[in-house]
C-alpha atoms as a PDB file:
ATOM      1  CA  MET A   1      22.224  -1.184 -10.858  1.00  0.00           C
ATOM      2  CA  THR A   2      21.295   1.291  -8.152  1.00  0.00           C
ATOM      3  CA  GLN A   3      22.611   0.485  -4.698  1.00  0.00           C
ATOM      4  CA  ILE A   4      19.865   0.703  -2.098  1.00  0.00           C
ATOM      5  CA  GLN A   5      20.782   0.985   1.563  1.00  0.00           C
ATOM      6  CA  TYR A   6      18.765  -0.937   4.141  1.00  0.00           C
ATOM      7  CA  GLY A   7      17.929   2.386   5.813  1.00  0.00           C
ATOM      8  CA  GLN A   8      16.106   3.451   2.647  1.00  0.00           C
ATOM      9  CA  ILE A   9      14.011   0.273   2.791  1.00  0.00           C
ATOM     10  CA  GLU A  10      13.137   0.982   6.425  1.00  0.00           C
ATOM     11  CA  VAL A  11      12.069   4.534   5.545  1.00  0.00           C
ATOM     12  CA  ALA A  12       9.974   3.303   2.607  1.00  0.00           C
ATOM     13  CA  LEU A  13       8.308   0.695   4.839  1.00  0.00           C
ATOM     14  CA  LEU A  14       7.538   3.349   7.458  1.00  0.00           C
ATOM     15  CA  GLN A  15       6.020   5.592   4.770  1.00  0.00           C
ATOM     16  CA  LEU A  16       3.892   2.668   3.591  1.00  0.00           C
ATOM     17  CA  ARG A  17       2.681   1.989   7.134  1.00  0.00           C
ATOM     18  CA  ILE A  18       1.792   5.655   7.633  1.00  0.00           C
ATOM     19  CA  ALA A  19      -0.054   5.817   4.296  1.00  0.00           C
ATOM     20  CA  ILE A  20      -2.091   2.706   5.142  1.00  0.00           C
ATOM     21  CA  HIS A  21      -3.098   3.984   8.588  1.00  0.00           C
ATOM     22  CA  LYS A  22      -4.230   7.454   7.435  1.00  0.00           C
ATOM     23  CA  SER A  23      -7.929   8.120   7.639  1.00  0.00           C
ATOM     24  CA  PRO A  24      -9.517   8.580   5.210  1.00  0.00           C
ATOM     25  CA  LEU A  25      -7.416   6.195   3.155  1.00  0.00           C
ATOM     26  CA  ASP A  26      -5.643   7.920   0.259  1.00  0.00           C
ATOM     27  CA  THR A  27      -5.163   5.122  -2.253  1.00  0.00           C
ATOM     28  CA  ALA A  28      -2.830   7.231  -4.399  1.00  0.00           C
ATOM     29  CA  LYS A  29      -0.442   7.714  -1.456  1.00  0.00           C
ATOM     30  CA  VAL A  30      -0.620   4.022  -0.570  1.00  0.00           C
ATOM     31  CA  SER A  31       0.103   3.090  -4.183  1.00  0.00           C
ATOM     32  CA  HIS A  32       3.058   5.480  -4.354  1.00  0.00           C
ATOM     33  CA  ALA A  33       4.447   4.251  -1.024  1.00  0.00           C
ATOM     34  CA  TRP A  34       4.084   0.620  -2.152  1.00  0.00           C
ATOM     35  CA  THR A  35       5.800   1.320  -5.482  1.00  0.00           C
ATOM     36  CA  THR A  36       8.706   3.012  -3.704  1.00  0.00           C
ATOM     37  CA  PHE A  37       9.032   0.167  -1.175  1.00  0.00           C
ATOM     38  CA  LYS A  38       8.839  -2.527  -3.890  1.00  0.00           C
ATOM     39  CA  SER A  39      11.389  -0.708  -6.036  1.00  0.00           C
ATOM     40  CA  ASN A  40      13.796  -0.488  -3.100  1.00  0.00           C
ATOM     41  CA  ILE A  41      13.406  -4.204  -2.389  1.00  0.00           C
ATOM     42  CA  ASP A  42      13.960  -5.082  -6.045  1.00  0.00           C
ATOM     43  CA  HIS A  43      17.173  -3.045  -6.243  1.00  0.00           C
ATOM     44  CA  VAL A  44      18.835  -3.858  -2.923  1.00  0.00           C
ATOM     45  CA  ASP A  45      22.478  -4.867  -3.161  1.00  0.00           C
END
């Protein structure tokens, strides 16, 4: 299993926040940021 550092989760969350607040909303970027964040959460050790 991949070891995820908490710093990586913080970065992924920040990227998600930035993607959500962009105008106009780019749903592809939001989806990618969410997938990355969710993956990090699922693989945290």
